[in-house]
Amino acid sequence: VKVIGIDNMNDYYDVELKKSRLDMFENDERFVFFKGSIADKELMMNI
């Protein structure tokens, strides 16, 4: 599989916790991550 992930990484709660969850995939080339908002239509269309 190839998994495309997107998240705006907002500070509604501890951003470090969010980063630690993403750390699990940092060496997996099947995972591509975008930091951004799904409310950004141009970004979503491009993805």
ModelCIF file with pLDDT and N, C-alpha, C, O atoms, coordinates in Angstrom:
data_MODEL
#
_entry.id   MODEL 
#
_entity.id                         1 
_entity.type                       polymer 
_entity.pdbx_number_of_molecules   1 
#
_entity_poly.entity_id                      1 
_entity_poly.type                           'polypeptide(L)' 
_entity_poly.nstd_linkage                   no 
_entity_poly.nstd_monomer                   no 
_entity_poly.pdbx_seq_one_letter_code       VKVIGIDNMNDYYDVELKKSRLDMFENDERFVFFKGSIADKELMMNI 
_entity_poly.pdbx_seq_one_letter_code_can   VKVIGIDNMNDYYDVELKKSRLDMFENDERFVFFKGSIADKELMMNI 
_entity_poly.pdbx_strand_id                 A 
#
loop_
_entity_poly_seq.entity_id 
_entity_poly_seq.num 
_entity_poly_seq.mon_id 
_entity_poly_seq.hetero 
1 1  VAL n 
1 2  LYS n 
1 3  VAL n 
1 4  ILE n 
1 5  GLY n 
1 6  ILE n 
1 7  ASP n 
1 8  ASN n 
1 9  MET n 
1 10 ASN n 
1 11 ASP n 
1 12 TYR n 
1 13 TYR n 
1 14 ASP n 
1 15 VAL n 
1 16 GLU n 
1 17 LEU n 
1 18 LYS n 
1 19 LYS n 
1 20 SER n 
1 21 ARG n 
1 22 LEU n 
1 23 ASP n 
1 24 MET n 
1 25 PHE n 
1 26 GLU n 
1 27 ASN n 
1 28 ASP n 
1 29 GLU n 
1 30 ARG n 
1 31 PHE n 
1 32 VAL n 
1 33 PHE n 
1 34 PHE n 
1 35 LYS n 
1 36 GLY n 
1 37 SER n 
1 38 ILE n 
1 39 ALA n 
1 40 ASP n 
1 41 LYS n 
1 42 GLU n 
1 43 LEU n 
1 44 MET n 
1 45 MET n 
1 46 ASN n 
1 47 ILE n 
#
_struct_asym.id          A 
_struct_asym.entity_id   1 
#
loop_
_ma_qa_metric.id 
_ma_qa_metric.mode 
_ma_qa_metric.name 
_ma_qa_metric.software_group_id 
_ma_qa_metric.type 
1 global pLDDT . pLDDT 
2 local  pLDDT . pLDDT 
#
_ma_qa_metric_global.metric_id      1 
_ma_qa_metric_global.metric_value   94.96 
_ma_qa_metric_global.model_id       1 
_ma_qa_metric_global.ordinal_id     1 
#
loop_
_ma_qa_metric_local.label_asym_id 
_ma_qa_metric_local.label_comp_id 
_ma_qa_metric_local.label_seq_id 
_ma_qa_metric_local.metric_id 
_ma_qa_metric_local.metric_value 
_ma_qa_metric_local.model_id 
_ma_qa_metric_local.ordinal_id 
A VAL 1  2 97.00 1 1  
A LYS 2  2 98.00 1 2  
A VAL 3  2 98.00 1 3  
A ILE 4  2 98.00 1 4  
A GLY 5  2 98.00 1 5  
A ILE 6  2 98.00 1 6  
A ASP 7  2 96.00 1 7  
A ASN 8  2 94.00 1 8  
A MET 9  2 94.00 1 9  
A ASN 10 2 91.00 1 10 
A ASP 11 2 88.00 1 11 
A TYR 12 2 85.00 1 12 
A TYR 13 2 87.00 1 13 
A ASP 14 2 90.00 1 14 
A VAL 15 2 92.00 1 15 
A GLU 16 2 93.00 1 16 
A LEU 17 2 92.00 1 17 
A LYS 18 2 94.00 1 18 
A LYS 19 2 95.00 1 19 
A SER 20 2 93.00 1 20 
A ARG 21 2 95.00 1 21 
A LEU 22 2 95.00 1 22 
A ASP 23 2 95.00 1 23 
A MET 24 2 93.00 1 24 
A PHE 25 2 95.00 1 25 
A GLU 26 2 89.00 1 26 
A ASN 27 2 92.00 1 27 
A ASP 28 2 94.00 1 28 
A GLU 29 2 95.00 1 29 
A ARG 30 2 97.00 1 30 
A PHE 31 2 98.00 1 31 
A VAL 32 2 97.00 1 32 
A PHE 33 2 97.00 1 33 
A PHE 34 2 97.00 1 34 
A LYS 35 2 96.00 1 35 
A GLY 36 2 96.00 1 36 
A SER 37 2 96.00 1 37 
A ILE 38 2 97.00 1 38 
A ALA 39 2 96.00 1 39 
A ASP 40 2 97.00 1 40 
A LYS 41 2 97.00 1 41 
A GLU 42 2 98.00 1 42 
A LEU 43 2 98.00 1 43 
A MET 44 2 98.00 1 44 
A MET 45 2 98.00 1 45 
A ASN 46 2 98.00 1 46 
A ILE 47 2 98.00 1 47 
#
loop_
_atom_site.group_PDB 
_atom_site.id 
_atom_site.type_symbol 
_atom_site.label_atom_id 
_atom_site.label_alt_id 
_atom_site.label_comp_id 
_atom_site.label_asym_id 
_atom_site.label_entity_id 
_atom_site.label_seq_id 
_atom_site.pdbx_PDB_ins_code 
_atom_site.Cartn_x 
_atom_site.Cartn_y 
_atom_site.Cartn_z 
_atom_site.occupancy 
_atom_site.B_iso_or_equiv 
_atom_site.pdbx_formal_charge 
_atom_site.auth_seq_id 
_atom_site.auth_comp_id 
_atom_site.auth_asym_id 
_atom_site.auth_atom_id 
_atom_site.pdbx_PDB_model_num 
ATOM 1   N N  . VAL A 1 1  ? 0.845   -1.199 0.000  1.00 97.00 ? 1  VAL A N  1 
ATOM 2   C CA . VAL A 1 1  ? 0.000   0.000  0.000  1.00 97.00 ? 1  VAL A CA 1 
ATOM 3   C C  . VAL A 1 1  ? 0.877   1.246  0.000  1.00 97.00 ? 1  VAL A C  1 
ATOM 4   O O  . VAL A 1 1  ? 2.057   1.209  0.350  1.00 97.00 ? 1  VAL A O  1 
ATOM 5   N N  . LYS A 1 2  ? 0.255   2.346  -0.406 1.00 98.00 ? 2  LYS A N  1 
ATOM 6   C CA . LYS A 1 2  ? 0.875   3.652  -0.182 1.00 98.00 ? 2  LYS A CA 1 
ATOM 7   C C  . LYS A 1 2  ? -0.160  4.442  0.600  1.00 98.00 ? 2  LYS A C  1 
ATOM 8   O O  . LYS A 1 2  ? -1.315  4.549  0.187  1.00 98.00 ? 2  LYS A O  1 
ATOM 9   N N  . VAL A 1 3  ? 0.259   4.996  1.734  1.00 98.00 ? 3  VAL A N  1 
ATOM 10  C CA . VAL A 1 3  ? -0.666  5.782  2.551  1.00 98.00 ? 3  VAL A CA 1 
ATOM 11  C C  . VAL A 1 3  ? -0.248  7.249  2.498  1.00 98.00 ? 3  VAL A C  1 
ATOM 12  O O  . VAL A 1 3  ? 0.882   7.604  2.834  1.00 98.00 ? 3  VAL A O  1 
ATOM 13  N N  . ILE A 1 4  ? -1.177  8.082  2.074  1.00 98.00 ? 4  ILE A N  1 
ATOM 14  C CA . ILE A 1 4  ? -0.956  9.528  2.085  1.00 98.00 ? 4  ILE A CA 1 
ATOM 15  C C  . ILE A 1 4  ? -1.643  10.064 3.332  1.00 98.00 ? 4  ILE A C  1 
ATOM 16  O O  . ILE A 1 4  ? -2.850  9.892  3.501  1.00 98.00 ? 4  ILE A O  1 
ATOM 17  N N  . GLY A 1 5  ? -0.883  10.711 4.203  1.00 98.00 ? 5  GLY A N  1 
ATOM 18  C CA . GLY A 1 5  ? -1.466  11.274 5.424  1.00 98.00 ? 5  GLY A CA 1 
ATOM 19  C C  . GLY A 1 5  ? -1.467  12.786 5.351  1.00 98.00 ? 5  GLY A C  1 
ATOM 20  O O  . GLY A 1 5  ? -0.544  13.393 4.807  1.00 98.00 ? 5  GLY A O  1 
ATOM 21  N N  . ILE A 1 6  ? -2.503  13.388 5.897  1.00 98.00 ? 6  ILE A N  1 
ATOM 22  C CA . ILE A 1 6  ? -2.535  14.855 6.017  1.00 98.00 ? 6  ILE A CA 1 
ATOM 23  C C  . ILE A 1 6  ? -3.062  15.215 7.394  1.00 98.00 ? 6  ILE A C  1 
ATOM 24  O O  . ILE A 1 6  ? -3.967  14.560 7.911  1.00 98.00 ? 6  ILE A O  1 
ATOM 25  N N  . ASP A 1 7  ? -2.494  16.257 7.985  1.00 96.00 ? 7  ASP A N  1 
ATOM 26  C CA . ASP A 1 7  ? -2.961  16.747 9.288  1.00 96.00 ? 7  ASP A CA 1 
ATOM 27  C C  . ASP A 1 7  ? -2.467  18.177 9.450  1.00 96.00 ? 7  ASP A C  1 
ATOM 28  O O  . ASP A 1 7  ? -1.354  18.507 9.040  1.00 96.00 ? 7  ASP A O  1 
ATOM 29  N N  . ASN A 1 8  ? -3.297  19.023 10.047 1.00 94.00 ? 8  ASN A N  1 
ATOM 30  C CA . ASN A 1 8  ? -2.841  20.418 10.221 1.00 94.00 ? 8  ASN A CA 1 
ATOM 31  C C  . ASN A 1 8  ? -1.995  20.593 11.477 1.00 94.00 ? 8  ASN A C  1 
ATOM 32  O O  . ASN A 1 8  ? -1.445  21.669 11.714 1.00 94.00 ? 8  ASN A O  1 
ATOM 33  N N  . MET A 1 9  ? -1.889  19.526 12.291 1.00 94.00 ? 9  MET A N  1 
ATOM 34  C CA . MET A 1 9  ? -1.026  19.548 13.487 1.00 94.00 ? 9  MET A CA 1 
ATOM 35  C C  . MET A 1 9  ? -1.341  20.754 14.387 1.00 94.00 ? 9  MET A C  1 
ATOM 36  O O  . MET A 1 9  ? -0.432  21.364 14.950 1.00 94.00 ? 9  MET A O  1 
ATOM 37  N N  . ASN A 1 10 ? -2.611  21.088 14.516 1.00 91.00 ? 10 ASN A N  1 
ATOM 38  C CA . ASN A 1 10 ? -2.945  22.276 15.327 1.00 91.00 ? 10 ASN A CA 1 
ATOM 39  C C  . ASN A 1 10 ? -2.686  22.016 16.812 1.00 91.00 ? 10 ASN A C  1 
ATOM 40  O O  . ASN A 1 10 ? -2.460  20.880 17.229 1.00 91.00 ? 10 ASN A O  1 
ATOM 41  N N  . ASP A 1 11 ? -2.723  23.090 17.597 1.00 88.00 ? 11 ASP A N  1 
ATOM 42  C CA . ASP A 1 11 ? -2.362  22.961 19.014 1.00 88.00 ? 11 ASP A CA 1 
ATOM 43  C C  . ASP A 1 11 ? -3.590  22.844 19.919 1.00 88.00 ? 11 ASP A C  1 
ATOM 44  O O  . ASP A 1 11 ? -3.560  23.265 21.076 1.00 88.00 ? 11 ASP A O  1 
ATOM 45  N N  . TYR A 1 12 ? -4.674  22.267 19.380 1.00 85.00 ? 12 TYR A N  1 
ATOM 46  C CA . TYR A 1 12 ? -5.856  22.011 20.219 1.00 85.00 ? 12 TYR A CA 1 
ATOM 47  C C  . TYR A 1 12 ? -5.447  21.159 21.421 1.00 85.00 ? 12 TYR A C  1 
ATOM 48  O O  . TYR A 1 12 ? -5.992  21.313 22.514 1.00 85.00 ? 12 TYR A O  1 
ATOM 49  N N  . TYR A 1 13 ? -4.487  20.264 21.211 1.00 87.00 ? 13 TYR A N  1 
ATOM 50  C CA . TYR A 1 13 ? -3.833  19.586 22.334 1.00 87.00 ? 13 TYR A CA 1 
ATOM 51  C C  . TYR A 1 13 ? -2.358  19.378 21.979 1.00 87.00 ? 13 TYR A C  1 
ATOM 52  O O  . TYR A 1 13 ? -1.934  19.682 20.864 1.00 87.00 ? 13 TYR A O  1 
ATOM 53  N N  . ASP A 1 14 ? -1.601  18.870 22.913 1.00 90.00 ? 14 ASP A N  1 
ATOM 54  C CA . ASP A 1 14 ? -0.153  18.723 22.843 1.00 90.00 ? 14 ASP A CA 1 
ATOM 55  C C  . ASP A 1 14 ? 0.367   18.254 21.475 1.00 90.00 ? 14 ASP A C  1 
ATOM 56  O O  . ASP A 1 14 ? 0.155   17.110 21.074 1.00 90.00 ? 14 ASP A O  1 
ATOM 57  N N  . VAL A 1 15 ? 1.048   19.158 20.778 1.00 92.00 ? 15 VAL A N  1 
ATOM 58  C CA . VAL A 1 15 ? 1.583   18.845 19.442 1.00 92.00 ? 15 VAL A CA 1 
ATOM 59  C C  . VAL A 1 15 ? 2.671   17.771 19.530 1.00 92.00 ? 15 VAL A C  1 
ATOM 60  O O  . VAL A 1 15 ? 2.861   16.996 18.593 1.00 92.00 ? 15 VAL A O  1 
ATOM 61  N N  . GLU A 1 16 ? 3.385   17.730 20.661 1.00 93.00 ? 16 GLU A N  1 
ATOM 62  C CA . GLU A 1 16 ? 4.437   16.712 20.835 1.00 93.00 ? 16 GLU A CA 1 
ATOM 63  C C  . GLU A 1 16 ? 3.848   15.297 20.779 1.00 93.00 ? 16 GLU A C  1 
ATOM 64  O O  . GLU A 1 16 ? 4.465   14.370 20.256 1.00 93.00 ? 16 GLU A O  1 
ATOM 65  N N  . LEU A 1 17 ? 2.651   15.159 21.326 1.00 92.00 ? 17 LEU A N  1 
ATOM 66  C CA . LEU A 1 17 ? 1.975   13.856 21.295 1.00 92.00 ? 17 LEU A CA 1 
ATOM 67  C C  . LEU A 1 17 ? 1.663   13.481 19.843 1.00 92.00 ? 17 LEU A C  1 
ATOM 68  O O  . LEU A 1 17 ? 1.831   12.329 19.440 1.00 92.00 ? 17 LEU A O  1 
ATOM 69  N N  . LYS A 1 18 ? 1.207   14.464 19.065 1.00 94.00 ? 18 LYS A N  1 
ATOM 70  C CA . LYS A 1 18 ? 0.908   14.210 17.646 1.00 94.00 ? 18 LYS A CA 1 
ATOM 71  C C  . LYS A 1 18 ? 2.182   13.823 16.890 1.00 94.00 ? 18 LYS A C  1 
ATOM 72  O O  . LYS A 1 18 ? 2.180   12.912 16.061 1.00 94.00 ? 18 LYS A O  1 
ATOM 73  N N  . LYS A 1 19 ? 3.275   14.543 17.199 1.00 95.00 ? 19 LYS A N  1 
ATOM 74  C CA . LYS A 1 19 ? 4.551   14.234 16.530 1.00 95.00 ? 19 LYS A CA 1 
ATOM 75  C C  . LYS A 1 19 ? 5.015   12.829 16.890 1.00 95.00 ? 19 LYS A C  1 
ATOM 76  O O  . LYS A 1 19 ? 5.515   12.098 16.035 1.00 95.00 ? 19 LYS A O  1 
ATOM 77  N N  . SER A 1 20 ? 4.848   12.450 18.161 1.00 93.00 ? 20 SER A N  1 
ATOM 78  C CA . SER A 1 20 ? 5.311   11.122 18.589 1.00 93.00 ? 20 SER A CA 1 
ATOM 79  C C  . SER A 1 20 ? 4.539   10.016 17.864 1.00 93.00 ? 20 SER A C  1 
ATOM 80  O O  . SER A 1 20 ? 5.073   8.939  17.601 1.00 93.00 ? 20 SER A O  1 
ATOM 81  N N  . ARG A 1 21 ? 3.264   10.304 17.543 1.00 95.00 ? 21 ARG A N  1 
ATOM 82  C CA . ARG A 1 21 ? 2.489   9.292  16.795 1.00 95.00 ? 21 ARG A CA 1 
ATOM 83  C C  . ARG A 1 21 ? 3.033   9.151  15.374 1.00 95.00 ? 21 ARG A C  1 
ATOM 84  O O  . ARG A 1 21 ? 3.109   8.045  14.840 1.00 95.00 ? 21 ARG A O  1 
ATOM 85  N N  . LEU A 1 22 ? 3.408   10.272 14.769 1.00 95.00 ? 22 LEU A N  1 
ATOM 86  C CA . LEU A 1 22 ? 3.933   10.232 13.398 1.00 95.00 ? 22 LEU A CA 1 
ATOM 87  C C  . LEU A 1 22 ? 5.323   9.608  13.331 1.00 95.00 ? 22 LEU A C  1 
ATOM 88  O O  . LEU A 1 22 ? 5.715   9.046  12.308 1.00 95.00 ? 22 LEU A O  1 
ATOM 89  N N  . ASP A 1 23 ? 6.067   9.715  14.440 1.00 95.00 ? 23 ASP A N  1 
ATOM 90  C CA . ASP A 1 23 ? 7.423   9.151  14.478 1.00 95.00 ? 23 ASP A CA 1 
ATOM 91  C C  . ASP A 1 23 ? 7.437   7.657  14.141 1.00 95.00 ? 23 ASP A C  1 
ATOM 92  O O  . ASP A 1 23 ? 8.437   7.126  13.658 1.00 95.00 ? 23 ASP A O  1 
ATOM 93  N N  . MET A 1 24 ? 6.304   6.986  14.407 1.00 93.00 ? 24 MET A N  1 
ATOM 94  C CA . MET A 1 24 ? 6.220   5.540  14.134 1.00 93.00 ? 24 MET A CA 1 
ATOM 95  C C  . MET A 1 24 ? 6.472   5.230  12.662 1.00 93.00 ? 24 MET A C  1 
ATOM 96  O O  . MET A 1 24 ? 6.917   4.133  12.324 1.00 93.00 ? 24 MET A O  1 
ATOM 97  N N  . PHE A 1 25 ? 6.188   6.202  11.777 1.00 95.00 ? 25 PHE A N  1 
ATOM 98  C CA . PHE A 1 25 ? 6.237   5.918  10.336 1.00 95.00 ? 25 PHE A CA 1 
ATOM 99  C C  . PHE A 1 25 ? 7.407   6.581  9.625  1.00 95.00 ? 25 PHE A C  1 
ATOM 100 O O  . PHE A 1 25 ? 7.508   6.514  8.400  1.00 95.00 ? 25 PHE A O  1 
ATOM 101 N N  . GLU A 1 26 ? 8.295   7.222  10.387 1.00 89.00 ? 26 GLU A N  1 
ATOM 102 C CA . GLU A 1 26 ? 9.275   8.068  9.708  1.00 89.00 ? 26 GLU A CA 1 
ATOM 103 C C  . GLU A 1 26 ? 10.223  7.292  8.795  1.00 89.00 ? 26 GLU A C  1 
ATOM 104 O O  . GLU A 1 26 ? 10.783  7.860  7.858  1.00 89.00 ? 26 GLU A O  1 
ATOM 105 N N  . ASN A 1 27 ? 10.404  6.004  9.062  1.00 92.00 ? 27 ASN A N  1 
ATOM 106 C CA . ASN A 1 27 ? 11.304  5.224  8.204  1.00 92.00 ? 27 ASN A CA 1 
ATOM 107 C C  . ASN A 1 27 ? 10.559  4.345  7.204  1.00 92.00 ? 27 ASN A C  1 
ATOM 108 O O  . ASN A 1 27 ? 11.160  3.490  6.553  1.00 92.00 ? 27 ASN A O  1 
ATOM 109 N N  . ASP A 1 28 ? 9.253   4.559  7.083  1.00 94.00 ? 28 ASP A N  1 
ATOM 110 C CA . ASP A 1 28 ? 8.463   3.738  6.155  1.00 94.00 ? 28 ASP A CA 1 
ATOM 111 C C  . ASP A 1 28 ? 8.174   4.538  4.889  1.00 94.00 ? 28 ASP A C  1 
ATOM 112 O O  . ASP A 1 28 ? 7.401   5.496  4.903  1.00 94.00 ? 28 ASP A O  1 
ATOM 113 N N  . GLU A 1 29 ? 8.818   4.119  3.784  1.00 95.00 ? 29 GLU A N  1 
ATOM 114 C CA . GLU A 1 29 ? 8.643   4.918  2.562  1.00 95.00 ? 29 GLU A CA 1 
ATOM 115 C C  . GLU A 1 29 ? 7.267   4.759  1.920  1.00 95.00 ? 29 GLU A C  1 
ATOM 116 O O  . GLU A 1 29 ? 6.941   5.434  0.943  1.00 95.00 ? 29 GLU A O  1 
ATOM 117 N N  . ARG A 1 30 ? 6.458   3.844  2.490  1.00 97.00 ? 30 ARG A N  1 
ATOM 118 C CA . ARG A 1 30 ? 5.084   3.705  1.966  1.00 97.00 ? 30 ARG A CA 1 
ATOM 119 C C  . ARG A 1 30 ? 4.173   4.810  2.500  1.00 97.00 ? 30 ARG A C  1 
ATOM 120 O O  . ARG A 1 30 ? 3.018   4.922  2.088  1.00 97.00 ? 30 ARG A O  1 
ATOM 121 N N  . PHE A 1 31 ? 4.696   5.623  3.416  1.00 98.00 ? 31 PHE A N  1 
ATOM 122 C CA . PHE A 1 31 ? 3.887   6.687  4.033  1.00 98.00 ? 31 PHE A CA 1 
ATOM 123 C C  . PHE A 1 31 ? 4.405   8.056  3.613  1.00 98.00 ? 31 PHE A C  1 
ATOM 124 O O  . PHE A 1 31 ? 5.592   8.352  3.753  1.00 98.00 ? 31 PHE A O  1 
ATOM 125 N N  . VAL A 1 32 ? 3.509   8.881  3.100  1.00 97.00 ? 32 VAL A N  1 
ATOM 126 C CA . VAL A 1 32 ? 3.850   10.261 2.713  1.00 97.00 ? 32 VAL A CA 1 
ATOM 127 C C  . VAL A 1 32 ? 2.972   11.194 3.529  1.00 97.00 ? 32 VAL A C  1 
ATOM 128 O O  . VAL A 1 32 ? 1.753   11.025 3.568  1.00 97.00 ? 32 VAL A O  1 
ATOM 129 N N  . PHE A 1 33 ? 3.582   12.177 4.183  1.00 97.00 ? 33 PHE A N  1 
ATOM 130 C CA . PHE A 1 33 ? 2.803   13.057 5.067  1.00 97.00 ? 33 PHE A CA 1 
ATOM 131 C C  . PHE A 1 33 ? 2.808   14.503 4.581  1.00 97.00 ? 33 PHE A C  1 
ATOM 132 O O  . PHE A 1 33 ? 3.842   15.039 4.180  1.00 97.00 ? 33 PHE A O  1 
ATOM 133 N N  . PHE A 1 34 ? 1.628   15.122 4.626  1.00 97.00 ? 34 PHE A N  1 
ATOM 134 C CA . PHE A 1 34 ? 1.492   16.548 4.333  1.00 97.00 ? 34 PHE A CA 1 
ATOM 135 C C  . PHE A 1 34 ? 0.993   17.270 5.572  1.00 97.00 ? 34 PHE A C  1 
ATOM 136 O O  . PHE A 1 34 ? -0.002  16.872 6.178  1.00 97.00 ? 34 PHE A O  1 
ATOM 137 N N  . LYS A 1 35 ? 1.692   18.336 5.943  1.00 96.00 ? 35 LYS A N  1 
ATOM 138 C CA . LYS A 1 35 ? 1.179   19.177 7.024  1.00 96.00 ? 35 LYS A CA 1 
ATOM 139 C C  . LYS A 1 35 ? 0.323   20.259 6.377  1.00 96.00 ? 35 LYS A C  1 
ATOM 140 O O  . LYS A 1 35 ? 0.832   21.115 5.654  1.00 96.00 ? 35 LYS A O  1 
ATOM 141 N N  . GLY A 1 36 ? -0.966  20.213 6.639  1.00 96.00 ? 36 GLY A N  1 
ATOM 142 C CA . GLY A 1 36 ? -1.873  21.180 6.039  1.00 96.00 ? 36 GLY A CA 1 
ATOM 143 C C  . GLY A 1 36 ? -3.296  20.866 6.432  1.00 96.00 ? 36 GLY A C  1 
ATOM 144 O O  . GLY A 1 36 ? -3.568  19.862 7.089  1.00 96.00 ? 36 GLY A O  1 
ATOM 145 N N  . SER A 1 37 ? -4.200  21.735 6.024  1.00 96.00 ? 37 SER A N  1 
ATOM 146 C CA . SER A 1 37 ? -5.604  21.616 6.432  1.00 96.00 ? 37 SER A CA 1 
ATOM 147 C C  . SER A 1 37 ? -6.466  21.109 5.277  1.00 96.00 ? 37 SER A C  1 
ATOM 148 O O  . SER A 1 37 ? -6.266  21.491 4.124  1.00 96.00 ? 37 SER A O  1 
ATOM 149 N N  . ILE A 1 38 ? -7.411  20.256 5.600  1.00 97.00 ? 38 ILE A N  1 
ATOM 150 C CA . ILE A 1 38 ? -8.353  19.809 4.560  1.00 97.00 ? 38 ILE A CA 1 
ATOM 151 C C  . ILE A 1 38 ? -9.253  20.961 4.117  1.00 97.00 ? 38 ILE A C  1 
ATOM 152 O O  . ILE A 1 38 ? -9.944  20.856 3.103  1.00 97.00 ? 38 ILE A O  1 
ATOM 153 N N  . ALA A 1 39 ? -9.246  22.058 4.875  1.00 96.00 ? 39 ALA A N  1 
ATOM 154 C CA . ALA A 1 39 ? -10.019 23.245 4.471  1.00 96.00 ? 39 ALA A CA 1 
ATOM 155 C C  . ALA A 1 39 ? -9.299  24.031 3.368  1.00 96.00 ? 39 ALA A C  1 
ATOM 156 O O  . ALA A 1 39 ? -9.861  24.964 2.794  1.00 96.00 ? 39 ALA A O  1 
ATOM 157 N N  . ASP A 1 40 ? -8.053  23.644 3.079  1.00 97.00 ? 40 ASP A N  1 
ATOM 158 C CA . ASP A 1 40 ? -7.286  24.266 2.001  1.00 97.00 ? 40 ASP A CA 1 
ATOM 159 C C  . ASP A 1 40 ? -7.584  23.506 0.710  1.00 97.00 ? 40 ASP A C  1 
ATOM 160 O O  . ASP A 1 40 ? -6.997  22.460 0.433  1.00 97.00 ? 40 ASP A O  1 
ATOM 161 N N  . LYS A 1 41 ? -8.516  24.062 -0.072 1.00 97.00 ? 41 LYS A N  1 
ATOM 162 C CA . LYS A 1 41 ? -9.014  23.328 -1.238 1.00 97.00 ? 41 LYS A CA 1 
ATOM 163 C C  . LYS A 1 41 ? -7.921  23.069 -2.276 1.00 97.00 ? 41 LYS A C  1 
ATOM 164 O O  . LYS A 1 41 ? -7.861  21.993 -2.871 1.00 97.00 ? 41 LYS A O  1 
ATOM 165 N N  . GLU A 1 42 ? -7.072  24.050 -2.484 1.00 98.00 ? 42 GLU A N  1 
ATOM 166 C CA . GLU A 1 42 ? -6.017  23.899 -3.487 1.00 98.00 ? 42 GLU A CA 1 
ATOM 167 C C  . GLU A 1 42 ? -5.072  22.749 -3.117 1.00 98.00 ? 42 GLU A C  1 
ATOM 168 O O  . GLU A 1 42 ? -4.707  21.930 -3.961 1.00 98.00 ? 42 GLU A O  1 
ATOM 169 N N  . LEU A 1 43 ? -4.686  22.710 -1.841 1.00 98.00 ? 43 LEU A N  1 
ATOM 170 C CA . LEU A 1 43 ? -3.819  21.632 -1.370 1.00 98.00 ? 43 LEU A CA 1 
ATOM 171 C C  . LEU A 1 43 ? -4.484  20.270 -1.599 1.00 98.00 ? 43 LEU A C  1 
ATOM 172 O O  . LEU A 1 43 ? -3.860  19.338 -2.106 1.00 98.00 ? 43 LEU A O  1 
ATOM 173 N N  . MET A 1 44 ? -5.758  20.175 -1.216 1.00 98.00 ? 44 MET A N  1 
ATOM 174 C CA . MET A 1 44 ? -6.468  18.899 -1.351 1.00 98.00 ? 44 MET A CA 1 
ATOM 175 C C  . MET A 1 44 ? -6.568  18.473 -2.813 1.00 98.00 ? 44 MET A C  1 
ATOM 176 O O  . MET A 1 44 ? -6.341  17.309 -3.143 1.00 98.00 ? 44 MET A O  1 
ATOM 177 N N  . MET A 1 45 ? -6.908  19.420 -3.689 1.00 98.00 ? 45 MET A N  1 
ATOM 178 C CA . MET A 1 45 ? -7.017  19.117 -5.122 1.00 98.00 ? 45 MET A CA 1 
ATOM 179 C C  . MET A 1 45 ? -5.669  18.620 -5.661 1.00 98.00 ? 45 MET A C  1 
ATOM 180 O O  . MET A 1 45 ? -5.612  17.677 -6.450 1.00 98.00 ? 45 MET A O  1 
ATOM 181 N N  . ASN A 1 46 ? -4.591  19.274 -5.221 1.00 98.00 ? 46 ASN A N  1 
ATOM 182 C CA . ASN A 1 46 ? -3.258  18.882 -5.682 1.00 98.00 ? 46 ASN A CA 1 
ATOM 183 C C  . ASN A 1 46 ? -2.901  17.466 -5.242 1.00 98.00 ? 46 ASN A C  1 
ATOM 184 O O  . ASN A 1 46 ? -2.353  16.679 -6.014 1.00 98.00 ? 46 ASN A O  1 
ATOM 185 N N  . ILE A 1 47 ? -3.227  17.155 -3.966 1.00 98.00 ? 47 ILE A N  1 
ATOM 186 C CA . ILE A 1 47 ? -2.936  15.808 -3.444 1.00 98.00 ? 47 ILE A CA 1 
ATOM 187 C C  . ILE A 1 47 ? -3.711  14.752 -4.243 1.00 98.00 ? 47 ILE A C  1 
ATOM 188 O O  . ILE A 1 47 ? -3.601  13.559 -3.959 1.00 98.00 ? 47 ILE A O  1 
#
